[in-house]
Amino acid sequence: FDLIFSNFGGLNCLAKTQLEQFLKTANQLLAPNGKLILVIMPKKCLW
């Protein structure tokens, strides 16, 4: 793939070990110079 995309906190359903494994797999699934775009919920939301 040229682009792997995950929006609005889907990856927040993964524990850290699962997330680490996904990121390794995503790298393998990408074509050379492929992009990974993730939208994730952080820990310090001001609202």
All heavy atoms as atom14 arrays in JSON, in Angstrom:
{
  "sequence": "FDLIFSNFGGLNCLAKTQLEQFLKTANQLLAPNGKLILVIMPKKCLW",
  "atom14_mask": [
    [1, 1, 1, 1, 1, 1, 1, 1, 1, 1, 1, 0, 0, 0],
    [1, 1, 1, 1, 1, 1, 1, 1, 0, 0, 0, 0, 0, 0],
    [1, 1, 1, 1, 1, 1, 1, 1, 0, 0, 0, 0, 0, 0],
    [1, 1, 1, 1, 1, 1, 1, 1, 0, 0, 0, 0, 0, 0],
    [1, 1, 1, 1, 1, 1, 1, 1, 1, 1, 1, 0, 0, 0],
    [1, 1, 1, 1, 1, 1, 0, 0, 0, 0, 0, 0, 0, 0],
    [1, 1, 1, 1, 1, 1, 1, 1, 0, 0, 0, 0, 0, 0],
    [1, 1, 1, 1, 1, 1, 1, 1, 1, 1, 1, 0, 0, 0],
    [1, 1, 1, 1, 0, 0, 0, 0, 0, 0, 0, 0, 0, 0],
    [1, 1, 1, 1, 0, 0, 0, 0, 0, 0, 0, 0, 0, 0],
    [1, 1, 1, 1, 1, 1, 1, 1, 0, 0, 0, 0, 0, 0],
    [1, 1, 1, 1, 1, 1, 1, 1, 0, 0, 0, 0, 0, 0],
    [1, 1, 1, 1, 1, 1, 0, 0, 0, 0, 0, 0, 0, 0],
    [1, 1, 1, 1, 1, 1, 1, 1, 0, 0, 0, 0, 0, 0],
    [1, 1, 1, 1, 1, 0, 0, 0, 0, 0, 0, 0, 0, 0],
    [1, 1, 1, 1, 1, 1, 1, 1, 1, 0, 0, 0, 0, 0],
    [1, 1, 1, 1, 1, 1, 1, 0, 0, 0, 0, 0, 0, 0],
    [1, 1, 1, 1, 1, 1, 1, 1, 1, 0, 0, 0, 0, 0],
    [1, 1, 1, 1, 1, 1, 1, 1, 0, 0, 0, 0, 0, 0],
    [1, 1, 1, 1, 1, 1, 1, 1, 1, 0, 0, 0, 0, 0],
    [1, 1, 1, 1, 1, 1, 1, 1, 1, 0, 0, 0, 0, 0],
    [1, 1, 1, 1, 1, 1, 1, 1, 1, 1, 1, 0, 0, 0],
    [1, 1, 1, 1, 1, 1, 1, 1, 0, 0, 0, 0, 0, 0],
    [1, 1, 1, 1, 1, 1, 1, 1, 1, 0, 0, 0, 0, 0],
    [1, 1, 1, 1, 1, 1, 1, 0, 0, 0, 0, 0, 0, 0],
    [1, 1, 1, 1, 1, 0, 0, 0, 0, 0, 0, 0, 0, 0],
    [1, 1, 1, 1, 1, 1, 1, 1, 0, 0, 0, 0, 0, 0],
    [1, 1, 1, 1, 1, 1, 1, 1, 1, 0, 0, 0, 0, 0],
    [1, 1, 1, 1, 1, 1, 1, 1, 0, 0, 0, 0, 0, 0],
    [1, 1, 1, 1, 1, 1, 1, 1, 0, 0, 0, 0, 0, 0],
    [1, 1, 1, 1, 1, 0, 0, 0, 0, 0, 0, 0, 0, 0],
    [1, 1, 1, 1, 1, 1, 1, 0, 0, 0, 0, 0, 0, 0],
    [1, 1, 1, 1, 1, 1, 1, 1, 0, 0, 0, 0, 0, 0],
    [1, 1, 1, 1, 0, 0, 0, 0, 0, 0, 0, 0, 0, 0],
    [1, 1, 1, 1, 1, 1, 1, 1, 1, 0, 0, 0, 0, 0],
    [1, 1, 1, 1, 1, 1, 1, 1, 0, 0, 0, 0, 0, 0],
    [1, 1, 1, 1, 1, 1, 1, 1, 0, 0, 0, 0, 0, 0],
    [1, 1, 1, 1, 1, 1, 1, 1, 0, 0, 0, 0, 0, 0],
    [1, 1, 1, 1, 1, 1, 1, 0, 0, 0, 0, 0, 0, 0],
    [1, 1, 1, 1, 1, 1, 1, 1, 0, 0, 0, 0, 0, 0],
    [1, 1, 1, 1, 1, 1, 1, 1, 0, 0, 0, 0, 0, 0],
    [1, 1, 1, 1, 1, 1, 1, 0, 0, 0, 0, 0, 0, 0],
    [1, 1, 1, 1, 1, 1, 1, 1, 1, 0, 0, 0, 0, 0],
    [1, 1, 1, 1, 1, 1, 1, 1, 1, 0, 0, 0, 0, 0],
    [1, 1, 1, 1, 1, 1, 0, 0, 0, 0, 0, 0, 0, 0],
    [1, 1, 1, 1, 1, 1, 1, 1, 0, 0, 0, 0, 0, 0],
    [1, 1, 1, 1, 1, 1, 1, 1, 1, 1, 1, 1, 1, 1]
  ],
  "atom14_positions": [
    [[0.82, -1.21, 0.0], [0.0, 0.0, 0.0], [0.85, 1.26, 0.0], [1.93, 1.3, 0.59], [-0.93, 0.0, 1.21], [-1.92, -1.13, 1.21], [-1.65, -2.31, 1.9], [-3.1, -1.03, 0.49], [-2.55, -3.36, 1.88], [-4.02, -2.09, 0.46], [-3.73, -3.26, 1.17], [0.0, 0.0, 0.0], [0.0, 0.0, 0.0], [0.0, 0.0, 0.0]],
    [[0.33, 2.28, -0.67], [1.0, 3.59, -0.68], [0.62, 4.4, 0.56], [1.37, 5.28, 0.97], [0.6, 4.37, -1.94], [0.93, 3.6, -3.2], [2.12, 3.32, -3.42], [-0.01, 3.28, -3.96], [0.0, 0.0, 0.0], [0.0, 0.0, 0.0], [0.0, 0.0, 0.0], [0.0, 0.0, 0.0], [0.0, 0.0, 0.0], [0.0, 0.0, 0.0]],
    [[-0.54, 4.09, 1.12], [-1.02, 4.81, 2.3], [-1.82, 3.87, 3.18], [-2.7, 3.15, 2.69], [-1.91, 6.0, 1.87], [-2.68, 6.73, 2.99], [-1.73, 7.37, 3.99], [-3.62, 7.78, 2.39], [0.0, 0.0, 0.0], [0.0, 0.0, 0.0], [0.0, 0.0, 0.0], [0.0, 0.0, 0.0], [0.0, 0.0, 0.0], [0.0, 0.0, 0.0]],
    [[-1.5, 3.86, 4.46], [-2.32, 3.18, 5.47], [-2.86, 4.26, 6.39], [-2.11, 5.11, 6.87], [-1.51, 2.13, 6.26], [-1.04, 1.02, 5.32], [-2.35, 1.55, 7.39], [-0.18, -0.04, 6.01], [0.0, 0.0, 0.0], [0.0, 0.0, 0.0], [0.0, 0.0, 0.0], [0.0, 0.0, 0.0], [0.0, 0.0, 0.0], [0.0, 0.0, 0.0]],
    [[-4.17, 4.22, 6.64], [-4.85, 5.31, 7.34], [-5.76, 4.76, 8.42], [-6.48, 3.77, 8.21], [-5.66, 6.12, 6.32], [-6.48, 7.24, 6.91], [-5.87, 8.42, 7.31], [-7.85, 7.13, 7.04], [-6.61, 9.47, 7.83], [-8.62, 8.16, 7.56], [-7.99, 9.34, 7.97], [0.0, 0.0, 0.0], [0.0, 0.0, 0.0], [0.0, 0.0, 0.0]],
    [[-5.75, 5.39, 9.58], [-6.69, 5.06, 10.65], [-7.13, 6.35, 11.33], [-6.28, 7.11, 11.81], [-6.07, 4.11, 11.67], [-6.99, 3.8, 12.7], [0.0, 0.0, 0.0], [0.0, 0.0, 0.0], [0.0, 0.0, 0.0], [0.0, 0.0, 0.0], [0.0, 0.0, 0.0], [0.0, 0.0, 0.0], [0.0, 0.0, 0.0], [0.0, 0.0, 0.0]],
    [[-8.43, 6.58, 11.37], [-8.95, 7.86, 11.84], [-9.63, 7.74, 13.21], [-10.06, 6.65, 13.61], [-9.96, 8.4, 10.82], [-10.09, 9.92, 10.86], [-9.46, 10.59, 11.67], [-10.89, 10.46, 9.97], [0.0, 0.0, 0.0], [0.0, 0.0, 0.0], [0.0, 0.0, 0.0], [0.0, 0.0, 0.0], [0.0, 0.0, 0.0], [0.0, 0.0, 0.0]],
    [[-9.71, 8.84, 13.92], [-10.53, 9.05, 15.11], [-10.46, 7.94, 16.16], [-11.48, 7.38, 16.57], [-11.98, 9.31, 14.7], [-12.15, 10.63, 14.01], [-12.86, 10.72, 12.82], [-11.59, 11.79, 14.52], [-13.02, 11.94, 12.16], [-11.74, 13.02, 13.88], [-12.46, 13.09, 12.7], [0.0, 0.0, 0.0], [0.0, 0.0, 0.0], [0.0, 0.0, 0.0]],
    [[-9.25, 7.65, 16.57], [-9.06, 6.84, 17.77], [-9.27, 5.35, 17.64], [-9.36, 4.65, 18.65], [0.0, 0.0, 0.0], [0.0, 0.0, 0.0], [0.0, 0.0, 0.0], [0.0, 0.0, 0.0], [0.0, 0.0, 0.0], [0.0, 0.0, 0.0], [0.0, 0.0, 0.0], [0.0, 0.0, 0.0], [0.0, 0.0, 0.0], [0.0, 0.0, 0.0]],
    [[-9.35, 4.83, 16.41], [-9.48, 3.39, 16.26], [-8.33, 2.65, 16.93], [-8.52, 1.59, 17.54], [0.0, 0.0, 0.0], [0.0, 0.0, 0.0], [0.0, 0.0, 0.0], [0.0, 0.0, 0.0], [0.0, 0.0, 0.0], [0.0, 0.0, 0.0], [0.0, 0.0, 0.0], [0.0, 0.0, 0.0], [0.0, 0.0, 0.0], [0.0, 0.0, 0.0]],
    [[-7.13, 3.2, 16.84], [-5.96, 2.55, 17.42], [-5.91, 2.68, 18.93], [-5.09, 2.02, 19.59], [-4.68, 3.12, 16.8], [-4.5, 2.84, 15.31], [-3.15, 3.36, 14.83], [-4.63, 1.36, 14.99], [0.0, 0.0, 0.0], [0.0, 0.0, 0.0], [0.0, 0.0, 0.0], [0.0, 0.0, 0.0], [0.0, 0.0, 0.0], [0.0, 0.0, 0.0]],
    [[-6.77, 3.52, 19.5], [-6.83, 3.61, 20.96], [-7.48, 2.37, 21.58], [-7.49, 2.23, 22.81], [-7.6, 4.86, 21.39], [-6.81, 6.14, 21.14], [-6.98, 6.78, 20.11], [-5.94, 6.5, 22.07], [0.0, 0.0, 0.0], [0.0, 0.0, 0.0], [0.0, 0.0, 0.0], [0.0, 0.0, 0.0], [0.0, 0.0, 0.0], [0.0, 0.0, 0.0]],
    [[-7.99, 1.49, 20.75], [-8.53, 0.21, 21.25], [-7.45, -0.84, 21.39], [-7.73, -1.98, 21.78], [-9.63, -0.3, 20.31], [-11.1, 0.75, 20.28], [0.0, 0.0, 0.0], [0.0, 0.0, 0.0], [0.0, 0.0, 0.0], [0.0, 0.0, 0.0], [0.0, 0.0, 0.0], [0.0, 0.0, 0.0], [0.0, 0.0, 0.0], [0.0, 0.0, 0.0]],
    [[-6.21, -0.48, 21.09], [-5.09, -1.41, 21.18], [-4.23, -1.12, 22.4], [-3.89, 0.04, 22.67], [-4.2, -1.31, 19.93], [-4.85, -1.57, 18.57], [-3.78, -1.53, 17.48], [-5.6, -2.89, 18.55], [0.0, 0.0, 0.0], [0.0, 0.0, 0.0], [0.0, 0.0, 0.0], [0.0, 0.0, 0.0], [0.0, 0.0, 0.0], [0.0, 0.0, 0.0]],
    [[-3.89, -2.18, 23.13], [-2.91, -2.05, 24.2], [-1.55, -1.78, 23.58], [-1.34, -1.97, 22.37], [-2.87, -3.33, 25.03], [0.0, 0.0, 0.0], [0.0, 0.0, 0.0], [0.0, 0.0, 0.0], [0.0, 0.0, 0.0], [0.0, 0.0, 0.0], [0.0, 0.0, 0.0], [0.0, 0.0, 0.0], [0.0, 0.0, 0.0], [0.0, 0.0, 0.0]],
    [[-0.58, -1.36, 24.38], [0.7, -0.94, 23.83], [1.39, -2.06, 23.05], [1.97, -1.83, 21.99], [1.62, -0.44, 24.94], [2.91, 0.19, 24.43], [3.7, 0.83, 25.54], [4.97, 1.5, 24.99], [5.75, 2.16, 26.07], [0.0, 0.0, 0.0], [0.0, 0.0, 0.0], [0.0, 0.0, 0.0], [0.0, 0.0, 0.0], [0.0, 0.0, 0.0]],
    [[1.34, -3.29, 23.56], [1.98, -4.4, 22.85], [1.3, -4.66, 21.51], [1.96, -4.98, 20.52], [1.96, -5.69, 23.7], [0.6, -5.95, 24.11], [2.85, -5.52, 24.94], [0.0, 0.0, 0.0], [0.0, 0.0, 0.0], [0.0, 0.0, 0.0], [0.0, 0.0, 0.0], [0.0, 0.0, 0.0], [0.0, 0.0, 0.0], [0.0, 0.0, 0.0]],
    [[-0.02, -4.53, 21.48], [-0.76, -4.71, 20.23], [-0.45, -3.59, 19.25], [-0.3, -3.83, 18.05], [-2.27, -4.75, 20.52], [-2.71, -5.94, 21.35], [-4.16, -5.83, 21.78], [-4.64, -4.75, 22.11], [-4.88, -6.94, 21.75], [0.0, 0.0, 0.0], [0.0, 0.0, 0.0], [0.0, 0.0, 0.0], [0.0, 0.0, 0.0], [0.0, 0.0, 0.0]],
    [[-0.36, -2.38, 19.76], [-0.05, -1.23, 18.91], [1.36, -1.38, 18.32], [1.58, -1.11, 17.13], [-0.14, 0.06, 19.72], [0.17, 1.36, 18.98], [-0.77, 1.56, 17.8], [0.08, 2.55, 19.93], [0.0, 0.0, 0.0], [0.0, 0.0, 0.0], [0.0, 0.0, 0.0], [0.0, 0.0, 0.0], [0.0, 0.0, 0.0], [0.0, 0.0, 0.0]],
    [[2.29, -1.82, 19.13], [3.67, -2.01, 18.66], [3.71, -3.04, 17.53], [4.39, -2.86, 16.52], [4.56, -2.44, 19.82], [6.03, -2.53, 19.47], [6.89, -2.79, 20.69], [6.36, -3.17, 21.75], [8.13, -2.62, 20.59], [0.0, 0.0, 0.0], [0.0, 0.0, 0.0], [0.0, 0.0, 0.0], [0.0, 0.0, 0.0], [0.0, 0.0, 0.0]],
    [[2.96, -4.14, 17.7], [2.91, -5.17, 16.66], [2.26, -4.64, 15.39], [2.73, -4.9, 14.28], [2.13, -6.39, 17.16], [2.01, -7.51, 16.14], [3.37, -8.0, 15.66], [4.24, -8.36, 16.45], [3.57, -8.02, 14.33], [0.0, 0.0, 0.0], [0.0, 0.0, 0.0], [0.0, 0.0, 0.0], [0.0, 0.0, 0.0], [0.0, 0.0, 0.0]],
    [[1.18, -3.86, 15.54], [0.52, -3.29, 14.38], [1.48, -2.39, 13.6], [1.52, -2.44, 12.37], [-0.71, -2.48, 14.78], [-1.11, -1.47, 13.74], [-1.69, -1.88, 12.55], [-0.86, -0.12, 13.92], [-2.02, -0.96, 11.57], [-1.19, 0.81, 12.95], [-1.77, 0.39, 11.78], [0.0, 0.0, 0.0], [0.0, 0.0, 0.0], [0.0, 0.0, 0.0]],
    [[2.24, -1.55, 14.29], [3.14, -0.62, 13.62], [4.23, -1.36, 12.84], [4.63, -0.94, 11.75], [3.75, 0.33, 14.64], [2.76, 1.33, 15.27], [3.38, 2.03, 16.47], [2.27, 2.33, 14.24], [0.0, 0.0, 0.0], [0.0, 0.0, 0.0], [0.0, 0.0, 0.0], [0.0, 0.0, 0.0], [0.0, 0.0, 0.0], [0.0, 0.0, 0.0]],
    [[4.69, -2.48, 13.38], [5.68, -3.3, 12.66], [5.04, -3.9, 11.41], [5.66, -3.91, 10.33], [6.2, -4.41, 13.57], [7.09, -3.93, 14.71], [7.52, -5.09, 15.6], [8.39, -4.61, 16.74], [8.78, -5.72, 17.65], [0.0, 0.0, 0.0], [0.0, 0.0, 0.0], [0.0, 0.0, 0.0], [0.0, 0.0, 0.0], [0.0, 0.0, 0.0]],
    [[3.82, -4.39, 11.55], [3.13, -4.99, 10.41], [2.82, -3.93, 9.35], [2.95, -4.17, 8.15], [1.83, -5.66, 10.88], [2.13, -6.66, 11.86], [1.1, -6.31, 9.7], [0.0, 0.0, 0.0], [0.0, 0.0, 0.0], [0.0, 0.0, 0.0], [0.0, 0.0, 0.0], [0.0, 0.0, 0.0], [0.0, 0.0, 0.0], [0.0, 0.0, 0.0]],
    [[2.4, -2.74, 9.79], [2.1, -1.66, 8.86], [3.31, -1.32, 8.02], [3.2, -1.07, 6.81], [1.63, -0.43, 9.63], [0.0, 0.0, 0.0], [0.0, 0.0, 0.0], [0.0, 0.0, 0.0], [0.0, 0.0, 0.0], [0.0, 0.0, 0.0], [0.0, 0.0, 0.0], [0.0, 0.0, 0.0], [0.0, 0.0, 0.0], [0.0, 0.0, 0.0]],
    [[4.48, -1.31, 8.63], [5.71, -1.04, 7.9], [5.93, -2.07, 6.79], [6.34, -1.73, 5.68], [6.89, -1.02, 8.87], [8.19, -0.57, 8.21], [8.85, -1.34, 7.54], [8.53, 0.68, 8.42], [0.0, 0.0, 0.0], [0.0, 0.0, 0.0], [0.0, 0.0, 0.0], [0.0, 0.0, 0.0], [0.0, 0.0, 0.0], [0.0, 0.0, 0.0]],
    [[5.63, -3.32, 7.1], [5.8, -4.39, 6.12], [4.76, -4.33, 5.01], [5.02, -4.76, 3.87], [5.73, -5.75, 6.83], [6.85, -5.98, 7.83], [6.61, -7.2, 8.71], [5.47, -7.64, 8.89], [7.67, -7.75, 9.28], [0.0, 0.0, 0.0], [0.0, 0.0, 0.0], [0.0, 0.0, 0.0], [0.0, 0.0, 0.0], [0.0, 0.0, 0.0]],
    [[3.6, -3.79, 5.31], [2.52, -3.71, 4.32], [2.68, -2.53, 3.37], [2.03, -2.48, 2.33], [1.16, -3.61, 5.03], [0.65, -4.87, 5.72], [-0.59, -4.55, 6.55], [0.34, -5.96, 4.71], [0.0, 0.0, 0.0], [0.0, 0.0, 0.0], [0.0, 0.0, 0.0], [0.0, 0.0, 0.0], [0.0, 0.0, 0.0], [0.0, 0.0, 0.0]],
    [[3.51, -1.57, 3.75], [3.68, -0.37, 2.93], [4.68, -0.59, 1.8], [5.68, -1.29, 1.95], [4.16, 0.79, 3.79], [3.09, 1.46, 4.68], [3.75, 2.4, 5.68], [2.07, 2.22, 3.83], [0.0, 0.0, 0.0], [0.0, 0.0, 0.0], [0.0, 0.0, 0.0], [0.0, 0.0, 0.0], [0.0, 0.0, 0.0], [0.0, 0.0, 0.0]],
    [[4.4, 0.04, 0.68], [5.35, 0.08, -0.43], [6.52, 1.0, -0.05], [6.42, 1.74, 0.94], [4.65, 0.61, -1.68], [0.0, 0.0, 0.0], [0.0, 0.0, 0.0], [0.0, 0.0, 0.0], [0.0, 0.0, 0.0], [0.0, 0.0, 0.0], [0.0, 0.0, 0.0], [0.0, 0.0, 0.0], [0.0, 0.0, 0.0], [0.0, 0.0, 0.0]],
    [[7.62, 0.96, -0.78], [8.72, 1.89, -0.49], [8.23, 3.33, -0.45], [7.46, 3.75, -1.33], [9.68, 1.65, -1.66], [9.44, 0.22, -2.04], [7.96, 0.02, -1.86], [0.0, 0.0, 0.0], [0.0, 0.0, 0.0], [0.0, 0.0, 0.0], [0.0, 0.0, 0.0], [0.0, 0.0, 0.0], [0.0, 0.0, 0.0], [0.0, 0.0, 0.0]],
    [[8.63, 4.05, 0.56], [8.22, 5.45, 0.79], [6.72, 5.6, 1.05], [6.18, 6.71, 0.94], [8.63, 6.34, -0.4], [10.12, 6.37, -0.6], [10.89, 6.57, 0.34], [10.56, 6.15, -1.83], [0.0, 0.0, 0.0], [0.0, 0.0, 0.0], [0.0, 0.0, 0.0], [0.0, 0.0, 0.0], [0.0, 0.0, 0.0], [0.0, 0.0, 0.0]],
    [[6.07, 4.51, 1.39], [4.65, 4.57, 1.72], [4.41, 5.35, 3.0], [5.31, 5.49, 3.85], [0.0, 0.0, 0.0], [0.0, 0.0, 0.0], [0.0, 0.0, 0.0], [0.0, 0.0, 0.0], [0.0, 0.0, 0.0], [0.0, 0.0, 0.0], [0.0, 0.0, 0.0], [0.0, 0.0, 0.0], [0.0, 0.0, 0.0], [0.0, 0.0, 0.0]],
    [[3.2, 5.86, 3.14], [2.87, 6.72, 4.29], [1.87, 6.06, 5.23], [0.97, 5.33, 4.79], [2.32, 8.06, 3.8], [3.36, 8.87, 3.02], [2.88, 10.28, 2.71], [3.89, 11.02, 1.86], [5.2, 11.16, 2.56], [0.0, 0.0, 0.0], [0.0, 0.0, 0.0], [0.0, 0.0, 0.0], [0.0, 0.0, 0.0], [0.0, 0.0, 0.0]],
    [[2.04, 6.37, 6.5], [1.15, 5.91, 7.55], [0.58, 7.14, 8.24], [1.33, 7.96, 8.77], [1.92, 5.04, 8.55], [1.17, 4.5, 9.77], [0.07, 3.54, 9.35], [2.15, 3.79, 10.72], [0.0, 0.0, 0.0], [0.0, 0.0, 0.0], [0.0, 0.0, 0.0], [0.0, 0.0, 0.0], [0.0, 0.0, 0.0], [0.0, 0.0, 0.0]],
    [[-0.75, 7.3, 8.2], [-1.4, 8.44, 8.85], [-2.36, 7.93, 9.9], [-3.29, 7.17, 9.59], [-2.14, 9.33, 7.83], [-1.16, 9.89, 6.8], [-2.87, 10.46, 8.55], [-1.81, 10.79, 5.75], [0.0, 0.0, 0.0], [0.0, 0.0, 0.0], [0.0, 0.0, 0.0], [0.0, 0.0, 0.0], [0.0, 0.0, 0.0], [0.0, 0.0, 0.0]],
    [[-2.15, 8.34, 11.13], [-2.93, 7.87, 12.26], [-3.53, 9.06, 13.0], [-2.86, 10.08, 13.19], [-2.05, 7.07, 13.22], [-1.15, 5.99, 12.59], [-0.23, 5.41, 13.64], [-1.99, 4.91, 11.93], [0.0, 0.0, 0.0], [0.0, 0.0, 0.0], [0.0, 0.0, 0.0], [0.0, 0.0, 0.0], [0.0, 0.0, 0.0], [0.0, 0.0, 0.0]],
    [[-4.77, 8.93, 13.41], [-5.43, 9.95, 14.23], [-5.79, 9.29, 15.55], [-6.61, 8.37, 15.6], [-6.68, 10.52, 13.53], [-7.33, 11.6, 14.39], [-6.3, 11.1, 12.16], [0.0, 0.0, 0.0], [0.0, 0.0, 0.0], [0.0, 0.0, 0.0], [0.0, 0.0, 0.0], [0.0, 0.0, 0.0], [0.0, 0.0, 0.0], [0.0, 0.0, 0.0]],
    [[-5.15, 9.77, 16.61], [-5.15, 9.09, 17.9], [-5.56, 10.05, 19.01], [-5.29, 11.25, 18.95], [-3.73, 8.53, 18.18], [-3.38, 7.46, 17.13], [-3.6, 7.96, 19.59], [-1.94, 6.99, 17.19], [0.0, 0.0, 0.0], [0.0, 0.0, 0.0], [0.0, 0.0, 0.0], [0.0, 0.0, 0.0], [0.0, 0.0, 0.0], [0.0, 0.0, 0.0]],
    [[-6.18, 9.51, 20.06], [-6.54, 10.32, 21.22], [-5.38, 10.37, 22.22], [-4.92, 9.31, 22.66], [-7.79, 9.75, 21.9], [-9.05, 9.86, 21.07], [-10.53, 9.24, 21.94], [-10.23, 7.47, 21.89], [0.0, 0.0, 0.0], [0.0, 0.0, 0.0], [0.0, 0.0, 0.0], [0.0, 0.0, 0.0], [0.0, 0.0, 0.0], [0.0, 0.0, 0.0]],
    [[-4.91, 11.57, 22.57], [-3.79, 11.71, 23.51], [-4.26, 11.75, 24.97], [-5.46, 11.69, 25.26], [-3.18, 13.05, 23.1], [-4.36, 13.85, 22.66], [-5.31, 12.87, 22.01], [0.0, 0.0, 0.0], [0.0, 0.0, 0.0], [0.0, 0.0, 0.0], [0.0, 0.0, 0.0], [0.0, 0.0, 0.0], [0.0, 0.0, 0.0], [0.0, 0.0, 0.0]],
    [[-3.31, 11.9, 25.86], [-3.57, 11.79, 27.29], [-3.97, 13.1, 27.97], [-4.49, 13.08, 29.08], [-2.33, 11.23, 28.0], [-2.01, 9.79, 27.65], [-0.75, 9.32, 28.37], [-0.51, 7.84, 28.13], [0.72, 7.35, 28.79], [0.0, 0.0, 0.0], [0.0, 0.0, 0.0], [0.0, 0.0, 0.0], [0.0, 0.0, 0.0], [0.0, 0.0, 0.0]],
    [[-3.69, 14.24, 27.33], [-3.81, 15.5, 28.06], [-4.83, 16.45, 27.46], [-4.63, 17.67, 27.48], [-2.43, 16.17, 28.13], [-1.4, 15.36, 28.9], [-0.07, 16.09, 29.03], [0.91, 15.29, 29.86], [2.2, 16.02, 30.05], [0.0, 0.0, 0.0], [0.0, 0.0, 0.0], [0.0, 0.0, 0.0], [0.0, 0.0, 0.0], [0.0, 0.0, 0.0]],
    [[-5.93, 15.92, 26.96], [-6.96, 16.74, 26.31], [-7.41, 17.89, 27.22], [-7.95, 17.67, 28.31], [-8.14, 15.85, 25.95], [-9.54, 16.74, 25.25], [0.0, 0.0, 0.0], [0.0, 0.0, 0.0], [0.0, 0.0, 0.0], [0.0, 0.0, 0.0], [0.0, 0.0, 0.0], [0.0, 0.0, 0.0], [0.0, 0.0, 0.0], [0.0, 0.0, 0.0]],
    [[-7.22, 19.12, 26.74], [-7.57, 20.29, 27.53], [-9.06, 20.37, 27.81], [-9.47, 20.76, 28.91], [-7.1, 21.56, 26.81], [-5.6, 21.86, 26.82], [-5.31, 23.12, 26.03], [-5.1, 22.02, 28.27], [0.0, 0.0, 0.0], [0.0, 0.0, 0.0], [0.0, 0.0, 0.0], [0.0, 0.0, 0.0], [0.0, 0.0, 0.0], [0.0, 0.0, 0.0]],
    [[-9.87, 20.04, 26.82], [-11.31, 20.12, 27.01], [-11.78, 19.2, 28.13], [-12.68, 19.55, 28.9], [-12.05, 19.79, 25.72], [-12.37, 21.0, 24.9], [-11.93, 21.28, 23.64], [-13.2, 22.12, 25.27], [-12.43, 22.49, 23.2], [-13.21, 23.02, 24.18], [-13.92, 22.45, 26.42], [-13.92, 24.22, 24.2], [-14.63, 23.65, 26.44], [-14.62, 24.51, 25.35]]
  ]
}
